[in-house]
Amino acid sequence: GLIIIRYVDCIVHRIFGVAYDGPKM
């Protein structure tokens, strides 16, 4: 389904390169 993530979490993952351990998207 569709999910929404906080922008802060997107930045941590995409801009800072922190590994993401949530649902595969």
PDB file of all heavy atoms in Angstrom:
ATOM      1  N   GLY A   1       0.817  -1.210   0.000  1.00  0.00           N
ATOM      2  CA  GLY A   1       0.000   0.000   0.000  1.00  0.00           C
ATOM      3  C   GLY A   1       0.838   1.242   0.000  1.00  0.00           C
ATOM      4  O   GLY A   1       2.048   1.190  -0.180  1.00  0.00           O
ATOM      5  N   LEU A   2       0.202   2.352   0.203  1.00  0.00           N
ATOM      6  CA  LEU A   2       0.885   3.629   0.265  1.00  0.00           C
ATOM      7  C   LEU A   2       1.194   3.972   1.713  1.00  0.00           C
ATOM      8  O   LEU A   2       0.386   3.730   2.603  1.00  0.00           O
ATOM      9  CB  LEU A   2       0.015   4.740  -0.327  1.00  0.00           C
ATOM     10  CG  LEU A   2      -0.162   4.719  -1.841  1.00  0.00           C
ATOM     11  CD1 LEU A   2      -1.201   5.740  -2.238  1.00  0.00           C
ATOM     12  CD2 LEU A   2       1.137   4.995  -2.530  1.00  0.00           C
ATOM     13  N   ILE A   3       2.359   4.537   1.945  1.00  0.00           N
ATOM     14  CA  ILE A   3       2.715   4.976   3.290  1.00  0.00           C
ATOM     15  C   ILE A   3       3.304   6.373   3.205  1.00  0.00           C
ATOM     16  O   ILE A   3       3.738   6.816   2.149  1.00  0.00           O
ATOM     17  CB  ILE A   3       3.724   4.027   3.970  1.00  0.00           C
ATOM     18  CG1 ILE A   3       5.008   3.931   3.147  1.00  0.00           C
ATOM     19  CG2 ILE A   3       3.126   2.664   4.200  1.00  0.00           C
ATOM     20  CD1 ILE A   3       6.069   3.097   3.806  1.00  0.00           C
ATOM     21  N   ILE A   4       3.332   7.036   4.320  1.00  0.00           N
ATOM     22  CA  ILE A   4       3.892   8.387   4.398  1.00  0.00           C
ATOM     23  C   ILE A   4       4.978   8.397   5.466  1.00  0.00           C
ATOM     24  O   ILE A   4       4.807   7.837   6.541  1.00  0.00           O
ATOM     25  CB  ILE A   4       2.805   9.421   4.749  1.00  0.00           C
ATOM     26  CG1 ILE A   4       1.761   9.495   3.625  1.00  0.00           C
ATOM     27  CG2 ILE A   4       3.408  10.801   4.969  1.00  0.00           C
ATOM     28  CD1 ILE A   4       0.620  10.416   3.946  1.00  0.00           C
ATOM     29  N   ILE A   5       6.086   9.046   5.158  1.00  0.00           N
ATOM     30  CA  ILE A   5       7.209   9.131   6.080  1.00  0.00           C
ATOM     31  C   ILE A   5       7.498  10.600   6.352  1.00  0.00           C
ATOM     32  O   ILE A   5       7.352  11.446   5.478  1.00  0.00           O
ATOM     33  CB  ILE A   5       8.456   8.448   5.488  1.00  0.00           C
ATOM     34  CG1 ILE A   5       8.159   6.975   5.231  1.00  0.00           C
ATOM     35  CG2 ILE A   5       9.644   8.574   6.428  1.00  0.00           C
ATOM     36  CD1 ILE A   5       9.315   6.238   4.620  1.00  0.00           C
ATOM     37  N   ARG A   6       7.916  10.897   7.569  1.00  0.00           N
ATOM     38  CA  ARG A   6       8.288  12.276   7.887  1.00  0.00           C
ATOM     39  C   ARG A   6       9.472  12.714   7.018  1.00  0.00           C
ATOM     40  O   ARG A   6      10.348  11.926   6.709  1.00  0.00           O
ATOM     41  CB  ARG A   6       8.686  12.396   9.352  1.00  0.00           C
ATOM     42  CG  ARG A   6       7.581  12.150  10.347  1.00  0.00           C
ATOM     43  CD  ARG A   6       8.092  12.346  11.756  1.00  0.00           C
ATOM     44  NE  ARG A   6       9.305  11.572  11.990  1.00  0.00           N
ATOM     45  CZ  ARG A   6      10.251  11.890  12.874  1.00  0.00           C
ATOM     46  NH1 ARG A   6      10.123  12.974  13.600  1.00  0.00           N
ATOM     47  NH2 ARG A   6      11.316  11.138  13.031  1.00  0.00           N
ATOM     48  N   TYR A   7       9.487  13.979   6.660  1.00  0.00           N
ATOM     49  CA  TYR A   7      10.591  14.491   5.848  1.00  0.00           C
ATOM     50  C   TYR A   7      11.926  14.337   6.564  1.00  0.00           C
ATOM     51  O   TYR A   7      12.945  14.084   5.932  1.00  0.00           O
ATOM     52  CB  TYR A   7      10.351  15.961   5.506  1.00  0.00           C
ATOM     53  CG  TYR A   7       9.391  16.170   4.366  1.00  0.00           C
ATOM     54  CD1 TYR A   7       8.121  16.671   4.591  1.00  0.00           C
ATOM     55  CD2 TYR A   7       9.752  15.857   3.059  1.00  0.00           C
ATOM     56  CE1 TYR A   7       7.231  16.856   3.548  1.00  0.00           C
ATOM     57  CE2 TYR A   7       8.872  16.036   2.016  1.00  0.00           C
ATOM     58  CZ  TYR A   7       7.610  16.539   2.260  1.00  0.00           C
ATOM     59  OH  TYR A   7       6.739  16.717   1.229  1.00  0.00           O
ATOM     60  N   VAL A   8      11.923  14.509   7.898  1.00  0.00           N
ATOM     61  CA  VAL A   8      13.170  14.339   8.645  1.00  0.00           C
ATOM     62  C   VAL A   8      13.760  12.965   8.389  1.00  0.00           C
ATOM     63  O   VAL A   8      14.961  12.808   8.157  1.00  0.00           O
ATOM     64  CB  VAL A   8      12.930  14.557  10.150  1.00  0.00           C
ATOM     65  CG1 VAL A   8      14.120  14.047  10.961  1.00  0.00           C
ATOM     66  CG2 VAL A   8      12.709  16.036  10.454  1.00  0.00           C
ATOM     67  N   ASP A   9      12.902  11.927   8.417  1.00  0.00           N
ATOM     68  CA  ASP A   9      13.392  10.567   8.205  1.00  0.00           C
ATOM     69  C   ASP A   9      13.896  10.377   6.773  1.00  0.00           C
ATOM     70  O   ASP A   9      14.870   9.656   6.535  1.00  0.00           O
ATOM     71  CB  ASP A   9      12.289   9.557   8.510  1.00  0.00           C
ATOM     72  CG  ASP A   9      11.859   9.613   9.973  1.00  0.00           C
ATOM     73  OD1 ASP A   9      12.755   9.808  10.819  1.00  0.00           O
ATOM     74  OD2 ASP A   9      10.672   9.481  10.270  1.00  0.00           O
ATOM     75  N   CYS A  10      13.226  11.004   5.817  1.00  0.00           N
ATOM     76  CA  CYS A  10      13.699  10.930   4.425  1.00  0.00           C
ATOM     77  C   CYS A  10      15.089  11.556   4.297  1.00  0.00           C
ATOM     78  O   CYS A  10      15.953  11.026   3.603  1.00  0.00           O
ATOM     79  CB  CYS A  10      12.726  11.652   3.500  1.00  0.00           C
ATOM     80  SG  CYS A  10      11.171  10.785   3.246  1.00  0.00           S
ATOM     81  N   ILE A  11      15.297  12.698   4.951  1.00  0.00           N
ATOM     82  CA  ILE A  11      16.590  13.385   4.879  1.00  0.00           C
ATOM     83  C   ILE A  11      17.673  12.549   5.535  1.00  0.00           C
ATOM     84  O   ILE A  11      18.789  12.431   5.007  1.00  0.00           O
ATOM     85  CB  ILE A  11      16.490  14.780   5.530  1.00  0.00           C
ATOM     86  CG1 ILE A  11      15.528  15.668   4.733  1.00  0.00           C
ATOM     87  CG2 ILE A  11      17.862  15.443   5.621  1.00  0.00           C
ATOM     88  CD1 ILE A  11      15.167  16.961   5.433  1.00  0.00           C
ATOM     89  N   VAL A  12      17.372  11.953   6.690  1.00  0.00           N
ATOM     90  CA  VAL A  12      18.343  11.100   7.374  1.00  0.00           C
ATOM     91  C   VAL A  12      18.778   9.966   6.458  1.00  0.00           C
ATOM     92  O   VAL A  12      19.964   9.628   6.374  1.00  0.00           O
ATOM     93  CB  VAL A  12      17.741  10.541   8.683  1.00  0.00           C
ATOM     94  CG1 VAL A  12      18.619   9.433   9.252  1.00  0.00           C
ATOM     95  CG2 VAL A  12      17.572  11.654   9.704  1.00  0.00           C
ATOM     96  N   HIS A  13      17.834   9.397   5.742  1.00  0.00           N
ATOM     97  CA  HIS A  13      18.135   8.258   4.867  1.00  0.00           C
ATOM     98  C   HIS A  13      18.795   8.691   3.564  1.00  0.00           C
ATOM     99  O   HIS A  13      19.837   8.164   3.173  1.00  0.00           O
ATOM    100  CB  HIS A  13      16.841   7.496   4.598  1.00  0.00           C
ATOM    101  CG  HIS A  13      16.977   6.380   3.616  1.00  0.00           C
ATOM    102  ND1 HIS A  13      17.973   5.429   3.685  1.00  0.00           N
ATOM    103  CD2 HIS A  13      16.243   6.057   2.512  1.00  0.00           C
ATOM    104  CE1 HIS A  13      17.840   4.570   2.683  1.00  0.00           C
ATOM    105  NE2 HIS A  13      16.814   4.940   1.959  1.00  0.00           N
ATOM    106  N   ARG A  14      18.200   9.680   2.900  1.00  0.00           N
ATOM    107  CA  ARG A  14      18.647  10.014   1.544  1.00  0.00           C
ATOM    108  C   ARG A  14      19.794  11.021   1.504  1.00  0.00           C
ATOM    109  O   ARG A  14      20.650  10.948   0.625  1.00  0.00           O
ATOM    110  CB  ARG A  14      17.475  10.562   0.732  1.00  0.00           C
ATOM    111  CG  ARG A  14      16.418   9.524   0.431  1.00  0.00           C
ATOM    112  CD  ARG A  14      15.411  10.101  -0.524  1.00  0.00           C
ATOM    113  NE  ARG A  14      14.452   9.097  -0.937  1.00  0.00           N
ATOM    114  CZ  ARG A  14      13.439   9.342  -1.761  1.00  0.00           C
ATOM    115  NH1 ARG A  14      13.285  10.562  -2.245  1.00  0.00           N
ATOM    116  NH2 ARG A  14      12.601   8.397  -2.094  1.00  0.00           N
ATOM    117  N   ILE A  15      19.785  11.980   2.405  1.00  0.00           N
ATOM    118  CA  ILE A  15      20.805  13.029   2.381  1.00  0.00           C
ATOM    119  C   ILE A  15      22.022  12.635   3.216  1.00  0.00           C
ATOM    120  O   ILE A  15      23.166  12.851   2.806  1.00  0.00           O
ATOM    121  CB  ILE A  15      20.233  14.372   2.880  1.00  0.00           C
ATOM    122  CG1 ILE A  15      18.970  14.751   2.087  1.00  0.00           C
ATOM    123  CG2 ILE A  15      21.281  15.469   2.787  1.00  0.00           C
ATOM    124  CD1 ILE A  15      19.204  14.925   0.600  1.00  0.00           C
ATOM    125  N   PHE A  16      21.774  12.045   4.388  1.00  0.00           N
ATOM    126  CA  PHE A  16      22.883  11.660   5.264  1.00  0.00           C
ATOM    127  C   PHE A  16      23.369  10.231   5.005  1.00  0.00           C
ATOM    128  O   PHE A  16      24.441   9.860   5.470  1.00  0.00           O
ATOM    129  CB  PHE A  16      22.473  11.802   6.730  1.00  0.00           C
ATOM    130  CG  PHE A  16      22.483  13.216   7.231  1.00  0.00           C
ATOM    131  CD1 PHE A  16      21.395  14.051   7.017  1.00  0.00           C
ATOM    132  CD2 PHE A  16      23.581  13.725   7.900  1.00  0.00           C
ATOM    133  CE1 PHE A  16      21.402  15.362   7.470  1.00  0.00           C
ATOM    134  CE2 PHE A  16      23.599  15.033   8.358  1.00  0.00           C
ATOM    135  CZ  PHE A  16      22.509  15.850   8.145  1.00  0.00           C
ATOM    136  N   GLY A  17      22.578   9.438   4.301  1.00  0.00           N
ATOM    137  CA  GLY A  17      23.013   8.087   3.971  1.00  0.00           C
ATOM    138  C   GLY A  17      22.906   7.093   5.103  1.00  0.00           C
ATOM    139  O   GLY A  17      23.557   6.043   5.084  1.00  0.00           O
ATOM    140  N   VAL A  18      22.076   7.399   6.123  1.00  0.00           N
ATOM    141  CA  VAL A  18      21.893   6.460   7.231  1.00  0.00           C
ATOM    142  C   VAL A  18      21.072   5.272   6.741  1.00  0.00           C
ATOM    143  O   VAL A  18      20.057   5.440   6.061  1.00  0.00           O
ATOM    144  CB  VAL A  18      21.181   7.151   8.419  1.00  0.00           C
ATOM    145  CG1 VAL A  18      20.887   6.151   9.532  1.00  0.00           C
ATOM    146  CG2 VAL A  18      22.028   8.296   8.933  1.00  0.00           C
ATOM    147  N   ALA A  19      21.504   4.072   7.101  1.00  0.00           N
ATOM    148  CA  ALA A  19      20.811   2.867   6.660  1.00  0.00           C
ATOM    149  C   ALA A  19      19.359   2.871   7.124  1.00  0.00           C
ATOM    150  O   ALA A  19      19.055   3.274   8.250  1.00  0.00           O
ATOM    151  CB  ALA A  19      21.532   1.630   7.179  1.00  0.00           C
ATOM    152  N   TYR A  20      18.463   2.420   6.267  1.00  0.00           N
ATOM    153  CA  TYR A  20      17.022   2.404   6.567  1.00  0.00           C
ATOM    154  C   TYR A  20      16.614   0.976   6.915  1.00  0.00           C
ATOM    155  O   TYR A  20      16.872   0.045   6.154  1.00  0.00           O
ATOM    156  CB  TYR A  20      16.244   2.911   5.350  1.00  0.00           C
ATOM    157  CG  TYR A  20      14.754   2.867   5.526  1.00  0.00           C
ATOM    158  CD1 TYR A  20      14.110   3.785   6.344  1.00  0.00           C
ATOM    159  CD2 TYR A  20      13.978   1.913   4.869  1.00  0.00           C
ATOM    160  CE1 TYR A  20      12.743   3.769   6.507  1.00  0.00           C
ATOM    161  CE2 TYR A  20      12.613   1.886   5.021  1.00  0.00           C
ATOM    162  CZ  TYR A  20      11.989   2.810   5.847  1.00  0.00           C
ATOM    163  OH  TYR A  20      10.637   2.780   6.004  1.00  0.00           O
ATOM    164  N   ASP A  21      15.944   0.808   8.086  1.00  0.00           N
ATOM    165  CA  ASP A  21      15.597  -0.526   8.558  1.00  0.00           C
ATOM    166  C   ASP A  21      14.093  -0.718   8.641  1.00  0.00           C
ATOM    167  O   ASP A  21      13.608  -1.586   9.354  1.00  0.00           O
ATOM    168  CB  ASP A  21      16.241  -0.767   9.934  1.00  0.00           C
ATOM    169  CG  ASP A  21      16.175  -2.233  10.352  1.00  0.00           C
ATOM    170  OD1 ASP A  21      16.222  -3.087   9.451  1.00  0.00           O
ATOM    171  OD2 ASP A  21      16.038  -2.489  11.554  1.00  0.00           O
ATOM    172  N   GLY A  22      13.348   0.108   7.933  1.00  0.00           N
ATOM    173  CA  GLY A  22      11.897  -0.011   7.957  1.00  0.00           C
ATOM    174  C   GLY A  22      11.390  -0.836   6.790  1.00  0.00           C
ATOM    175  O   GLY A  22      12.128  -1.639   6.205  1.00  0.00           O
ATOM    176  N   PRO A  23      10.122  -0.647   6.429  1.00  0.00           N
ATOM    177  CA  PRO A  23       9.557  -1.389   5.297  1.00  0.00           C
ATOM    178  C   PRO A  23      10.328  -1.115   4.011  1.00  0.00           C
ATOM    179  O   PRO A  23      10.787  -0.010   3.772  1.00  0.00           O
ATOM    180  CB  PRO A  23       8.134  -0.818   5.206  1.00  0.00           C
ATOM    181  CG  PRO A  23       7.854  -0.242   6.545  1.00  0.00           C
ATOM    182  CD  PRO A  23       9.160   0.249   7.073  1.00  0.00           C
ATOM    183  N   LYS A  24      10.495  -2.137   3.205  1.00  0.00           N
ATOM    184  CA  LYS A  24      11.156  -1.953   1.918  1.00  0.00           C
ATOM    185  C   LYS A  24      10.208  -1.202   0.997  1.00  0.00           C
ATOM    186  O   LYS A  24       9.039  -1.540   0.879  1.00  0.00           O
ATOM    187  CB  LYS A  24      11.528  -3.307   1.319  1.00  0.00           C
ATOM    188  CG  LYS A  24      12.561  -4.064   2.140  1.00  0.00           C
ATOM    189  CD  LYS A  24      12.907  -5.388   1.479  1.00  0.00           C
ATOM    190  CE  LYS A  24      13.957  -6.131   2.300  1.00  0.00           C
ATOM    191  NZ  LYS A  24      14.294  -7.438   1.701  1.00  0.00           N
ATOM    192  N   MET A  25      10.762  -0.184   0.338  1.00  0.00           N
ATOM    193  CA  MET A  25       9.900   0.677  -0.465  1.00  0.00           C
ATOM    194  C   MET A  25      10.457   0.855  -1.869  1.00  0.00           C
ATOM    195  O   MET A  25      11.644   0.701  -2.103  1.00  0.00           O
ATOM    196  CB  MET A  25       9.745   2.034   0.212  1.00  0.00           C
ATOM    197  CG  MET A  25       9.025   1.979   1.536  1.00  0.00           C
ATOM    198  SD  MET A  25       8.916   3.600   2.298  1.00  0.00           S
ATOM    199  CE  MET A  25      10.635   3.909   2.638  1.00  0.00           C
TER     200      MET A  25
END
